[in-house]
Amino acid sequence: MPLLSFAILTDAILRTWRIYIIERWENSMAISKERKDQIIKEFATHEGDTGSTQVQVAVLTADINELNDHLRTHKHDYHSQRGLMKKIGHRRNLLAYLRRTDLNAYRDLIQKLGLRR
């Protein structure tokens, strides 16, 4: 009889744990797939474009905004703060590259995203 109750208890714990993980995943700091697809569609330079500089900068900007919101409420989350700094540096490098190679696209992107005032 104790074996049966142990199996039931284990099953209940696993179910509770799965629910907890799913809720945590849905509330994670990363942008959702739907939001990312929407950004890609909006900033794509041609059909099927997922990796152009403009798309990468737009996705990074959305990630940065999400992390900023998170860090406003969790001021001591230094791990996320480091991730934010890495994303900002990556975006800065991509913007510098875009500015060197295509100044008009750079200006359009900056205006669309509202990065420089």
PDB file of N, CA and C in Angstrom:
ATOM      1  N   MET A   1       0.804  -1.200   0.000  1.00  0.00           N
ATOM      2  CA  MET A   1       0.000   0.000   0.000  1.00  0.00           C
ATOM      3  C   MET A   1       0.853   1.272   0.000  1.00  0.00           C
ATOM      4  N   PRO A   2       1.961   1.339   0.737  1.00  0.00           N
ATOM      5  CA  PRO A   2       2.770   2.553   0.727  1.00  0.00           C
ATOM      6  C   PRO A   2       3.326   2.865  -0.665  1.00  0.00           C
ATOM      7  N   LEU A   3       3.561   1.821  -1.484  1.00  0.00           N
ATOM      8  CA  LEU A   3       4.068   2.056  -2.821  1.00  0.00           C
ATOM      9  C   LEU A   3       3.056   2.818  -3.666  1.00  0.00           C
ATOM     10  N   LEU A   4       1.802   2.486  -3.540  1.00  0.00           N
ATOM     11  CA  LEU A   4       0.756   3.147  -4.306  1.00  0.00           C
ATOM     12  C   LEU A   4       0.657   4.621  -3.921  1.00  0.00           C
ATOM     13  N   SER A   5       0.676   4.908  -2.652  1.00  0.00           N
ATOM     14  CA  SER A   5       0.572   6.301  -2.220  1.00  0.00           C
ATOM     15  C   SER A   5       1.803   7.101  -2.661  1.00  0.00           C
ATOM     16  N   PHE A   6       2.973   6.451  -2.681  1.00  0.00           N
ATOM     17  CA  PHE A   6       4.177   7.130  -3.148  1.00  0.00           C
ATOM     18  C   PHE A   6       4.053   7.478  -4.630  1.00  0.00           C
ATOM     19  N   ALA A   7       3.510   6.553  -5.427  1.00  0.00           N
ATOM     20  CA  ALA A   7       3.326   6.805  -6.858  1.00  0.00           C
ATOM     21  C   ALA A   7       2.334   7.940  -7.086  1.00  0.00           C
ATOM     22  N   ILE A   8       1.263   7.963  -6.339  1.00  0.00           N
ATOM     23  CA  ILE A   8       0.266   9.026  -6.475  1.00  0.00           C
ATOM     24  C   ILE A   8       0.874  10.368  -6.073  1.00  0.00           C
ATOM     25  N   LEU A   9       1.611  10.363  -4.986  1.00  0.00           N
ATOM     26  CA  LEU A   9       2.254  11.589  -4.520  1.00  0.00           C
ATOM     27  C   LEU A   9       3.265  12.097  -5.544  1.00  0.00           C
ATOM     28  N   THR A  10       4.064  11.204  -6.098  1.00  0.00           N
ATOM     29  CA  THR A  10       5.052  11.581  -7.102  1.00  0.00           C
ATOM     30  C   THR A  10       4.372  12.166  -8.330  1.00  0.00           C
ATOM     31  N   ASP A  11       3.287  11.546  -8.768  1.00  0.00           N
ATOM     32  CA  ASP A  11       2.547  12.043  -9.925  1.00  0.00           C
ATOM     33  C   ASP A  11       1.991  13.442  -9.662  1.00  0.00           C
ATOM     34  N   ALA A  12       1.458  13.658  -8.482  1.00  0.00           N
ATOM     35  CA  ALA A  12       0.911  14.974  -8.129  1.00  0.00           C
ATOM     36  C   ALA A  12       2.015  16.034  -8.096  1.00  0.00           C
ATOM     37  N   ILE A  13       3.159  15.669  -7.566  1.00  0.00           N
ATOM     38  CA  ILE A  13       4.281  16.614  -7.516  1.00  0.00           C
ATOM     39  C   ILE A  13       4.741  16.961  -8.926  1.00  0.00           C
ATOM     40  N   LEU A  14       4.843  15.960  -9.791  1.00  0.00           N
ATOM     41  CA  LEU A  14       5.266  16.212 -11.170  1.00  0.00           C
ATOM     42  C   LEU A  14       4.278  17.111 -11.898  1.00  0.00           C
ATOM     43  N   ARG A  15       2.971  16.862 -11.716  1.00  0.00           N
ATOM     44  CA  ARG A  15       1.960  17.710 -12.349  1.00  0.00           C
ATOM     45  C   ARG A  15       2.076  19.153 -11.868  1.00  0.00           C
ATOM     46  N   THR A  16       2.246  19.329 -10.578  1.00  0.00           N
ATOM     47  CA  THR A  16       2.392  20.676 -10.018  1.00  0.00           C
ATOM     48  C   THR A  16       3.644  21.353 -10.565  1.00  0.00           C
ATOM     49  N   TRP A  17       4.718  20.602 -10.643  1.00  0.00           N
ATOM     50  CA  TRP A  17       5.975  21.140 -11.158  1.00  0.00           C
ATOM     51  C   TRP A  17       5.834  21.556 -12.615  1.00  0.00           C
ATOM     52  N   ARG A  18       5.155  20.753 -13.435  1.00  0.00           N
ATOM     53  CA  ARG A  18       4.949  21.095 -14.847  1.00  0.00           C
ATOM     54  C   ARG A  18       4.147  22.385 -14.983  1.00  0.00           C
ATOM     55  N   ILE A  19       3.110  22.525 -14.186  1.00  0.00           N
ATOM     56  CA  ILE A  19       2.297  23.744 -14.226  1.00  0.00           C
ATOM     57  C   ILE A  19       3.154  24.949 -13.854  1.00  0.00           C
ATOM     58  N   TYR A  20       3.977  24.791 -12.836  1.00  0.00           N
ATOM     59  CA  TYR A  20       4.857  25.876 -12.403  1.00  0.00           C
ATOM     60  C   TYR A  20       5.820  26.269 -13.519  1.00  0.00           C
ATOM     61  N   ILE A  21       6.427  25.298 -14.172  1.00  0.00           N
ATOM     62  CA  ILE A  21       7.380  25.563 -15.252  1.00  0.00           C
ATOM     63  C   ILE A  21       6.686  26.261 -16.415  1.00  0.00           C
ATOM     64  N   ILE A  22       5.502  25.802 -16.791  1.00  0.00           N
ATOM     65  CA  ILE A  22       4.771  26.416 -17.899  1.00  0.00           C
ATOM     66  C   ILE A  22       4.442  27.867 -17.577  1.00  0.00           C
ATOM     67  N   GLU A  23       3.981  28.134 -16.361  1.00  0.00           N
ATOM     68  CA  GLU A  23       3.672  29.511 -15.983  1.00  0.00           C
ATOM     69  C   GLU A  23       4.923  30.382 -15.993  1.00  0.00           C
ATOM     70  N   ARG A  24       6.029  29.843 -15.522  1.00  0.00           N
ATOM     71  CA  ARG A  24       7.276  30.613 -15.529  1.00  0.00           C
ATOM     72  C   ARG A  24       7.718  30.893 -16.957  1.00  0.00           C
ATOM     73  N   TRP A  25       7.556  29.917 -17.837  1.00  0.00           N
ATOM     74  CA  TRP A  25       7.983  30.084 -19.217  1.00  0.00           C
ATOM     75  C   TRP A  25       7.150  31.155 -19.908  1.00  0.00           C
ATOM     76  N   GLU A  26       5.840  31.163 -19.647  1.00  0.00           N
ATOM     77  CA  GLU A  26       4.974  32.154 -20.271  1.00  0.00           C
ATOM     78  C   GLU A  26       5.275  33.555 -19.769  1.00  0.00           C
ATOM     79  N   ASN A  27       5.751  33.683 -18.549  1.00  0.00           N
ATOM     80  CA  ASN A  27       6.043  34.992 -17.980  1.00  0.00           C
ATOM     81  C   ASN A  27       7.526  35.341 -18.068  1.00  0.00           C
ATOM     82  N   SER A  28       8.257  34.654 -18.941  1.00  0.00           N
ATOM     83  CA  SER A  28       9.691  34.908 -19.024  1.00  0.00           C
ATOM     84  C   SER A  28       9.953  36.270 -19.661  1.00  0.00           C
ATOM     85  N   MET A  29      11.199  36.724 -19.551  1.00  0.00           N
ATOM     86  CA  MET A  29      11.555  38.047 -20.042  1.00  0.00           C
ATOM     87  C   MET A  29      11.712  38.085 -21.553  1.00  0.00           C
ATOM     88  N   ALA A  30      11.918  36.958 -22.184  1.00  0.00           N
ATOM     89  CA  ALA A  30      12.109  36.935 -23.624  1.00  0.00           C
ATOM     90  C   ALA A  30      10.815  37.316 -24.336  1.00  0.00           C
ATOM     91  N   ILE A  31      10.970  37.915 -25.517  1.00  0.00           N
ATOM     92  CA  ILE A  31       9.772  38.285 -26.258  1.00  0.00           C
ATOM     93  C   ILE A  31       9.136  37.023 -26.827  1.00  0.00           C
ATOM     94  N   SER A  32       7.833  37.057 -26.993  1.00  0.00           N
ATOM     95  CA  SER A  32       7.117  35.881 -27.465  1.00  0.00           C
ATOM     96  C   SER A  32       7.406  35.640 -28.944  1.00  0.00           C
ATOM     97  N   LYS A  33       7.156  34.430 -29.387  1.00  0.00           N
ATOM     98  CA  LYS A  33       7.376  34.074 -30.791  1.00  0.00           C
ATOM     99  C   LYS A  33       6.496  34.918 -31.695  1.00  0.00           C
ATOM    100  N   GLU A  34       5.249  35.142 -31.282  1.00  0.00           N
ATOM    101  CA  GLU A  34       4.328  35.935 -32.096  1.00  0.00           C
ATOM    102  C   GLU A  34       4.838  37.366 -32.246  1.00  0.00           C
ATOM    103  N   ARG A  35       5.314  37.935 -31.145  1.00  0.00           N
ATOM    104  CA  ARG A  35       5.838  39.312 -31.182  1.00  0.00           C
ATOM    105  C   ARG A  35       7.089  39.376 -32.054  1.00  0.00           C
ATOM    106  N   LYS A  36       7.943  38.370 -31.949  1.00  0.00           N
ATOM    107  CA  LYS A  36       9.161  38.338 -32.753  1.00  0.00           C
ATOM    108  C   LYS A  36       8.819  38.223 -34.240  1.00  0.00           C
ATOM    109  N   ASP A  37       7.856  37.365 -34.579  1.00  0.00           N
ATOM    110  CA  ASP A  37       7.431  37.230 -35.973  1.00  0.00           C
ATOM    111  C   ASP A  37       6.856  38.533 -36.505  1.00  0.00           C
ATOM    112  N   GLN A  38       6.111  39.232 -35.662  1.00  0.00           N
ATOM    113  CA  GLN A  38       5.532  40.516 -36.054  1.00  0.00           C
ATOM    114  C   GLN A  38       6.644  41.535 -36.334  1.00  0.00           C
ATOM    115  N   ILE A  39       7.653  41.567 -35.498  1.00  0.00           N
ATOM    116  CA  ILE A  39       8.779  42.485 -35.691  1.00  0.00           C
ATOM    117  C   ILE A  39       9.525  42.143 -36.971  1.00  0.00           C
ATOM    118  N   ILE A  40       9.757  40.861 -37.201  1.00  0.00           N
ATOM    119  CA  ILE A  40      10.461  40.430 -38.410  1.00  0.00           C
ATOM    120  C   ILE A  40       9.683  40.847 -39.646  1.00  0.00           C
ATOM    121  N   LYS A  41       8.372  40.639 -39.622  1.00  0.00           N
ATOM    122  CA  LYS A  41       7.540  41.014 -40.770  1.00  0.00           C
ATOM    123  C   LYS A  41       7.591  42.527 -41.010  1.00  0.00           C
ATOM    124  N   GLU A  42       7.589  43.297 -39.943  1.00  0.00           N
ATOM    125  CA  GLU A  42       7.572  44.758 -40.063  1.00  0.00           C
ATOM    126  C   GLU A  42       8.890  45.319 -40.591  1.00  0.00           C
ATOM    127  N   PHE A  43      10.020  44.736 -40.192  1.00  0.00           N
ATOM    128  CA  PHE A  43      11.318  45.306 -40.535  1.00  0.00           C
ATOM    129  C   PHE A  43      12.060  44.541 -41.627  1.00  0.00           C
ATOM    130  N   ALA A  44      11.458  43.503 -42.185  1.00  0.00           N
ATOM    131  CA  ALA A  44      12.116  42.718 -43.231  1.00  0.00           C
ATOM    132  C   ALA A  44      12.314  43.574 -44.478  1.00  0.00           C
ATOM    133  N   THR A  45      13.463  43.393 -45.122  1.00  0.00           N
ATOM    134  CA  THR A  45      13.749  44.150 -46.338  1.00  0.00           C
ATOM    135  C   THR A  45      13.246  43.429 -47.582  1.00  0.00           C
ATOM    136  N   HIS A  46      13.028  42.129 -47.481  1.00  0.00           N
ATOM    137  CA  HIS A  46      12.468  41.352 -48.583  1.00  0.00           C
ATOM    138  C   HIS A  46      11.761  40.123 -48.007  1.00  0.00           C
ATOM    139  N   GLU A  47      11.055  39.406 -48.842  1.00  0.00           N
ATOM    140  CA  GLU A  47      10.307  38.220 -48.413  1.00  0.00           C
ATOM    141  C   GLU A  47      11.263  37.172 -47.843  1.00  0.00           C
ATOM    142  N   GLY A  48      10.948  36.658 -46.677  1.00  0.00           N
ATOM    143  CA  GLY A  48      11.767  35.622 -46.054  1.00  0.00           C
ATOM    144  C   GLY A  48      12.985  36.159 -45.325  1.00  0.00           C
ATOM    145  N   ASP A  49      13.079  37.466 -45.174  1.00  0.00           N
ATOM    146  CA  ASP A  49      14.223  38.080 -44.504  1.00  0.00           C
ATOM    147  C   ASP A  49      14.077  37.944 -42.993  1.00  0.00           C
ATOM    148  N   THR A  50      15.014  37.239 -42.373  1.00  0.00           N
ATOM    149  CA  THR A  50      14.986  37.107 -40.916  1.00  0.00           C
ATOM    150  C   THR A  50      16.299  37.534 -40.277  1.00  0.00           C
ATOM    151  N   GLY A  51      17.324  37.786 -41.080  1.00  0.00           N
ATOM    152  CA  GLY A  51      18.630  38.051 -40.507  1.00  0.00           C
ATOM    153  C   GLY A  51      19.284  39.340 -40.935  1.00  0.00           C
ATOM    154  N   SER A  52      18.566  40.206 -41.644  1.00  0.00           N
ATOM    155  CA  SER A  52      19.186  41.462 -42.051  1.00  0.00           C
ATOM    156  C   SER A  52      19.490  42.308 -40.824  1.00  0.00           C
ATOM    157  N   THR A  53      20.347  43.263 -41.006  1.00  0.00           N
ATOM    158  CA  THR A  53      20.754  44.106 -39.888  1.00  0.00           C
ATOM    159  C   THR A  53      19.558  44.822 -39.275  1.00  0.00           C
ATOM    160  N   GLN A  54      18.644  45.306 -40.122  1.00  0.00           N
ATOM    161  CA  GLN A  54      17.473  46.022 -39.615  1.00  0.00           C
ATOM    162  C   GLN A  54      16.621  45.124 -38.729  1.00  0.00           C
ATOM    163  N   VAL A  55      16.414  43.884 -39.159  1.00  0.00           N
ATOM    164  CA  VAL A  55      15.607  42.940 -38.381  1.00  0.00           C
ATOM    165  C   VAL A  55      16.307  42.614 -37.064  1.00  0.00           C
ATOM    166  N   GLN A  56      17.605  42.373 -37.123  1.00  0.00           N
ATOM    167  CA  GLN A  56      18.345  42.051 -35.903  1.00  0.00           C
ATOM    168  C   GLN A  56      18.286  43.194 -34.892  1.00  0.00           C
ATOM    169  N   VAL A  57      18.430  44.425 -35.377  1.00  0.00           N
ATOM    170  CA  VAL A  57      18.376  45.580 -34.477  1.00  0.00           C
ATOM    171  C   VAL A  57      16.985  45.721 -33.877  1.00  0.00           C
ATOM    172  N   ALA A  58      15.950  45.510 -34.682  1.00  0.00           N
ATOM    173  CA  ALA A  58      14.577  45.638 -34.181  1.00  0.00           C
ATOM    174  C   ALA A  58      14.280  44.584 -33.112  1.00  0.00           C
ATOM    175  N   VAL A  59      14.704  43.351 -33.339  1.00  0.00           N
ATOM    176  CA  VAL A  59      14.475  42.282 -32.359  1.00  0.00           C
ATOM    177  C   VAL A  59      15.274  42.558 -31.083  1.00  0.00           C
ATOM    178  N   LEU A  60      16.513  42.990 -31.237  1.00  0.00           N
ATOM    179  CA  LEU A  60      17.321  43.331 -30.060  1.00  0.00           C
ATOM    180  C   LEU A  60      16.694  44.482 -29.278  1.00  0.00           C
ATOM    181  N   THR A  61      16.128  45.456 -29.977  1.00  0.00           N
ATOM    182  CA  THR A  61      15.486  46.579 -29.300  1.00  0.00           C
ATOM    183  C   THR A  61      14.294  46.105 -28.486  1.00  0.00           C
ATOM    184  N   ALA A  62      13.501  45.191 -29.037  1.00  0.00           N
ATOM    185  CA  ALA A  62      12.368  44.640 -28.286  1.00  0.00           C
ATOM    186  C   ALA A  62      12.861  43.881 -27.054  1.00  0.00           C
ATOM    187  N   ASP A  63      13.930  43.093 -27.216  1.00  0.00           N
ATOM    188  CA  ASP A  63      14.518  42.373 -26.074  1.00  0.00           C
ATOM    189  C   ASP A  63      15.015  43.351 -25.007  1.00  0.00           C
ATOM    190  N   ILE A  64      15.676  44.401 -25.453  1.00  0.00           N
ATOM    191  CA  ILE A  64      16.218  45.395 -24.526  1.00  0.00           C
ATOM    192  C   ILE A  64      15.095  46.074 -23.756  1.00  0.00           C
ATOM    193  N   ASN A  65      14.012  46.401 -24.448  1.00  0.00           N
ATOM    194  CA  ASN A  65      12.875  47.035 -23.771  1.00  0.00           C
ATOM    195  C   ASN A  65      12.261  46.104 -22.731  1.00  0.00           C
ATOM    196  N   GLU A  66      12.151  44.808 -23.066  1.00  0.00           N
ATOM    197  CA  GLU A  66      11.623  43.833 -22.102  1.00  0.00           C
ATOM    198  C   GLU A  66      12.524  43.742 -20.867  1.00  0.00           C
ATOM    199  N   LEU A  67      13.830  43.685 -21.104  1.00  0.00           N
ATOM    200  CA  LEU A  67      14.766  43.599 -19.982  1.00  0.00           C
ATOM    201  C   LEU A  67      14.736  44.865 -19.128  1.00  0.00           C
ATOM    202  N   ASN A  68      14.584  46.017 -19.769  1.00  0.00           N
ATOM    203  CA  ASN A  68      14.480  47.264 -19.008  1.00  0.00           C
ATOM    204  C   ASN A  68      13.270  47.239 -18.091  1.00  0.00           C
ATOM    205  N   ASP A  69      12.136  46.765 -18.609  1.00  0.00           N
ATOM    206  CA  ASP A  69      10.935  46.664 -17.776  1.00  0.00           C
ATOM    207  C   ASP A  69      11.173  45.720 -16.599  1.00  0.00           C
ATOM    208  N   HIS A  70      11.827  44.601 -16.866  1.00  0.00           N
ATOM    209  CA  HIS A  70      12.123  43.631 -15.812  1.00  0.00           C
ATOM    210  C   HIS A  70      13.028  44.251 -14.743  1.00  0.00           C
ATOM    211  N   LEU A  71      14.051  44.972 -15.186  1.00  0.00           N
ATOM    212  CA  LEU A  71      15.020  45.523 -14.240  1.00  0.00           C
ATOM    213  C   LEU A  71      14.457  46.693 -13.432  1.00  0.00           C
ATOM    214  N   ARG A  72      13.386  47.306 -13.915  1.00  0.00           N
ATOM    215  CA  ARG A  72      12.747  48.359 -13.118  1.00  0.00           C
ATOM    216  C   ARG A  72      12.140  47.781 -11.843  1.00  0.00           C
ATOM    217  N   THR A  73      11.633  46.548 -11.933  1.00  0.00           N
ATOM    218  CA  THR A  73      11.023  45.932 -10.754  1.00  0.00           C
ATOM    219  C   THR A  73      12.008  45.061  -9.980  1.00  0.00           C
ATOM    220  N   HIS A  74      13.029  44.538 -10.652  1.00  0.00           N
ATOM    221  CA  HIS A  74      14.019  43.668 -10.006  1.00  0.00           C
ATOM    222  C   HIS A  74      15.393  44.335 -10.103  1.00  0.00           C
ATOM    223  N   LYS A  75      15.607  45.326  -9.280  1.00  0.00           N
ATOM    224  CA  LYS A  75      16.803  46.159  -9.370  1.00  0.00           C
ATOM    225  C   LYS A  75      18.105  45.398  -9.090  1.00  0.00           C
ATOM    226  N   HIS A  76      18.040  44.321  -8.345  1.00  0.00           N
ATOM    227  CA  HIS A  76      19.250  43.592  -7.968  1.00  0.00           C
ATOM    228  C   HIS A  76      19.488  42.341  -8.810  1.00  0.00           C
ATOM    229  N   ASP A  77      18.841  42.244  -9.952  1.00  0.00           N
ATOM    230  CA  ASP A  77      19.034  41.107 -10.849  1.00  0.00           C
ATOM    231  C   ASP A  77      20.242  41.406 -11.736  1.00  0.00           C
ATOM    232  N   TYR A  78      21.421  41.157 -11.199  1.00  0.00           N
ATOM    233  CA  TYR A  78      22.651  41.529 -11.889  1.00  0.00           C
ATOM    234  C   TYR A  78      22.933  40.637 -13.093  1.00  0.00           C
ATOM    235  N   HIS A  79      22.462  39.418 -13.045  1.00  0.00           N
ATOM    236  CA  HIS A  79      22.648  38.522 -14.181  1.00  0.00           C
ATOM    237  C   HIS A  79      21.906  39.068 -15.406  1.00  0.00           C
ATOM    238  N   SER A  80      20.673  39.491 -15.209  1.00  0.00           N
ATOM    239  CA  SER A  80      19.903  40.075 -16.311  1.00  0.00           C
ATOM    240  C   SER A  80      20.496  41.408 -16.742  1.00  0.00           C
ATOM    241  N   GLN A  81      21.058  42.125 -15.795  1.00  0.00           N
ATOM    242  CA  GLN A  81      21.676  43.408 -16.117  1.00  0.00           C
ATOM    243  C   GLN A  81      22.875  43.196 -17.047  1.00  0.00           C
ATOM    244  N   ARG A  82      23.626  42.148 -16.794  1.00  0.00           N
ATOM    245  CA  ARG A  82      24.760  41.839 -17.666  1.00  0.00           C
ATOM    246  C   ARG A  82      24.274  41.447 -19.055  1.00  0.00           C
ATOM    247  N   GLY A  83      23.201  40.648 -19.117  1.00  0.00           N
ATOM    248  CA  GLY A  83      22.623  40.291 -20.405  1.00  0.00           C
ATOM    249  C   GLY A  83      22.141  41.512 -21.165  1.00  0.00           C
ATOM    250  N   LEU A  84      21.559  42.465 -20.442  1.00  0.00           N
ATOM    251  CA  LEU A  84      21.108  43.712 -21.059  1.00  0.00           C
ATOM    252  C   LEU A  84      22.285  44.469 -21.659  1.00  0.00           C
ATOM    253  N   MET A  85      23.380  44.555 -20.925  1.00  0.00           N
ATOM    254  CA  MET A  85      24.559  45.266 -21.427  1.00  0.00           C
ATOM    255  C   MET A  85      25.124  44.594 -22.683  1.00  0.00           C
ATOM    256  N   LYS A  86      25.114  43.266 -22.702  1.00  0.00           N
ATOM    257  CA  LYS A  86      25.594  42.544 -23.883  1.00  0.00           C
ATOM    258  C   LYS A  86      24.700  42.824 -25.085  1.00  0.00           C
ATOM    259  N   LYS A  87      23.388  42.836 -24.876  1.00  0.00           N
ATOM    260  CA  LYS A  87      22.454  43.117 -25.969  1.00  0.00           C
ATOM    261  C   LYS A  87      22.612  44.547 -26.475  1.00  0.00           C
ATOM    262  N   ILE A  88      22.803  45.486 -25.568  1.00  0.00           N
ATOM    263  CA  ILE A  88      22.998  46.881 -25.972  1.00  0.00           C
ATOM    264  C   ILE A  88      24.278  47.018 -26.798  1.00  0.00           C
ATOM    265  N   GLY A  89      25.345  46.346 -26.374  1.00  0.00           N
ATOM    266  CA  GLY A  89      26.594  46.384 -27.126  1.00  0.00           C
ATOM    267  C   GLY A  89      26.450  45.773 -28.510  1.00  0.00           C
ATOM    268  N   HIS A  90      25.742  44.664 -28.585  1.00  0.00           N
ATOM    269  CA  HIS A  90      25.514  44.014 -29.875  1.00  0.00           C
ATOM    270  C   HIS A  90      24.714  44.934 -30.790  1.00  0.00           C
ATOM    271  N   ARG A  91      23.659  45.559 -30.252  1.00  0.00           N
ATOM    272  CA  ARG A  91      22.848  46.476 -31.059  1.00  0.00           C
ATOM    273  C   ARG A  91      23.689  47.663 -31.516  1.00  0.00           C
ATOM    274  N   ARG A  92      24.542  48.184 -30.628  1.00  0.00           N
ATOM    275  CA  ARG A  92      25.396  49.316 -30.983  1.00  0.00           C
ATOM    276  C   ARG A  92      26.311  48.957 -32.150  1.00  0.00           C
ATOM    277  N   ASN A  93      26.899  47.759 -32.104  1.00  0.00           N
ATOM    278  CA  ASN A  93      27.778  47.319 -33.193  1.00  0.00           C
ATOM    279  C   ASN A  93      27.011  47.164 -34.499  1.00  0.00           C
ATOM    280  N   LEU A  94      25.808  46.595 -34.433  1.00  0.00           N
ATOM    281  CA  LEU A  94      25.007  46.441 -35.645  1.00  0.00           C
ATOM    282  C   LEU A  94      24.610  47.795 -36.219  1.00  0.00           C
ATOM    283  N   LEU A  95      24.261  48.740 -35.353  1.00  0.00           N
ATOM    284  CA  LEU A  95      23.900  50.077 -35.830  1.00  0.00           C
ATOM    285  C   LEU A  95      25.101  50.783 -36.458  1.00  0.00           C
ATOM    286  N   ALA A  96      26.280  50.604 -35.892  1.00  0.00           N
ATOM    287  CA  ALA A  96      27.488  51.202 -36.468  1.00  0.00           C
ATOM    288  C   ALA A  96      27.757  50.612 -37.850  1.00  0.00           C
ATOM    289  N   TYR A  97      27.572  49.308 -37.982  1.00  0.00           N
ATOM    290  CA  TYR A  97      27.751  48.650 -39.276  1.00  0.00           C
ATOM    291  C   TYR A  97      26.747  49.182 -40.298  1.00  0.00           C
ATOM    292  N   LEU A  98      25.485  49.285 -39.883  1.00  0.00           N
ATOM    293  CA  LEU A  98      24.449  49.773 -40.794  1.00  0.00           C
ATOM    294  C   LEU A  98      24.725  51.218 -41.194  1.00  0.00           C
ATOM    295  N   ARG A  99      25.192  52.006 -40.269  1.00  0.00           N
ATOM    296  CA  ARG A  99      25.499  53.408 -40.569  1.00  0.00           C
ATOM    297  C   ARG A  99      26.633  53.510 -41.584  1.00  0.00           C
ATOM    298  N   ARG A 100      27.632  52.634 -41.463  1.00  0.00           N
ATOM    299  CA  ARG A 100      28.753  52.628 -42.411  1.00  0.00           C
ATOM    300  C   ARG A 100      28.321  52.190 -43.793  1.00  0.00           C
ATOM    301  N   THR A 101      27.440  51.188 -43.862  1.00  0.00           N
ATOM    302  CA  THR A 101      27.124  50.568 -45.148  1.00  0.00           C
ATOM    303  C   THR A 101      25.920  51.185 -45.850  1.00  0.00           C
ATOM    304  N   ASP A 102      24.908  51.625 -45.108  1.00  0.00           N
ATOM    305  CA  ASP A 102      23.688  52.152 -45.728  1.00  0.00           C
ATOM    306  C   ASP A 102      23.097  53.232 -44.823  1.00  0.00           C
ATOM    307  N   LEU A 103      23.530  54.455 -45.039  1.00  0.00           N
ATOM    308  CA  LEU A 103      23.149  55.557 -44.158  1.00  0.00           C
ATOM    309  C   LEU A 103      21.646  55.825 -44.180  1.00  0.00           C
ATOM    310  N   ASN A 104      21.018  55.714 -45.356  1.00  0.00           N
ATOM    311  CA  ASN A 104      19.569  55.966 -45.439  1.00  0.00           C
ATOM    312  C   ASN A 104      18.773  54.929 -44.651  1.00  0.00           C
ATOM    313  N   ALA A 105      19.162  53.666 -44.767  1.00  0.00           N
ATOM    314  CA  ALA A 105      18.482  52.609 -44.005  1.00  0.00           C
ATOM    315  C   ALA A 105      18.696  52.827 -42.511  1.00  0.00           C
ATOM    316  N   TYR A 106      19.882  53.273 -42.136  1.00  0.00           N
ATOM    317  CA  TYR A 106      20.185  53.571 -40.732  1.00  0.00           C
ATOM    318  C   TYR A 106      19.254  54.654 -40.201  1.00  0.00           C
ATOM    319  N   ARG A 107      19.124  55.741 -40.959  1.00  0.00           N
ATOM    320  CA  ARG A 107      18.264  56.847 -40.522  1.00  0.00           C
ATOM    321  C   ARG A 107      16.807  56.415 -40.424  1.00  0.00           C
ATOM    322  N   ASP A 108      16.339  55.634 -41.405  1.00  0.00           N
ATOM    323  CA  ASP A 108      14.953  55.146 -41.366  1.00  0.00           C
ATOM    324  C   ASP A 108      14.719  54.264 -40.140  1.00  0.00           C
ATOM    325  N   LEU A 109      15.662  53.378 -39.873  1.00  0.00           N
ATOM    326  CA  LEU A 109      15.526  52.457 -38.744  1.00  0.00           C
ATOM    327  C   LEU A 109      15.530  53.202 -37.411  1.00  0.00           C
ATOM    328  N   ILE A 110      16.419  54.155 -37.279  1.00  0.00           N
ATOM    329  CA  ILE A 110      16.493  54.945 -36.047  1.00  0.00           C
ATOM    330  C   ILE A 110      15.174  55.678 -35.810  1.00  0.00           C
ATOM    331  N   GLN A 111      14.616  56.224 -36.882  1.00  0.00           N
ATOM    332  CA  GLN A 111      13.355  56.955 -36.746  1.00  0.00           C
ATOM    333  C   GLN A 111      12.208  56.006 -36.399  1.00  0.00           C
ATOM    334  N   LYS A 112      12.155  54.850 -37.076  1.00  0.00           N
ATOM    335  CA  LYS A 112      11.085  53.871 -36.813  1.00  0.00           C
ATOM    336  C   LYS A 112      11.117  53.368 -35.374  1.00  0.00           C
ATOM    337  N   LEU A 113      12.319  53.095 -34.880  1.00  0.00           N
ATOM    338  CA  LEU A 113      12.460  52.546 -33.531  1.00  0.00           C
ATOM    339  C   LEU A 113      12.472  53.626 -32.451  1.00  0.00           C
ATOM    340  N   GLY A 114      12.689  54.868 -32.859  1.00  0.00           N
ATOM    341  CA  GLY A 114      12.733  55.958 -31.889  1.00  0.00           C
ATOM    342  C   GLY A 114      13.932  55.870 -30.965  1.00  0.00           C
ATOM    343  N   LEU A 115      15.086  55.504 -31.513  1.00  0.00           N
ATOM    344  CA  LEU A 115      16.268  55.300 -30.674  1.00  0.00           C
ATOM    345  C   LEU A 115      17.004  56.596 -30.359  1.00  0.00           C
ATOM    346  N   ARG A 116      17.269  57.402 -31.370  1.00  0.00           N
ATOM    347  CA  ARG A 116      18.013  58.642 -31.145  1.00  0.00           C
ATOM    348  C   ARG A 116      17.036  59.805 -31.178  1.00  0.00           C
ATOM    349  N   ARG A 117      17.214  60.727 -30.258  1.00  0.00           N
ATOM    350  CA  ARG A 117      16.299  61.863 -30.216  1.00  0.00           C
ATOM    351  C   ARG A 117      16.965  63.111 -30.708  1.00  0.00           C
TER     352      ARG A 117
END
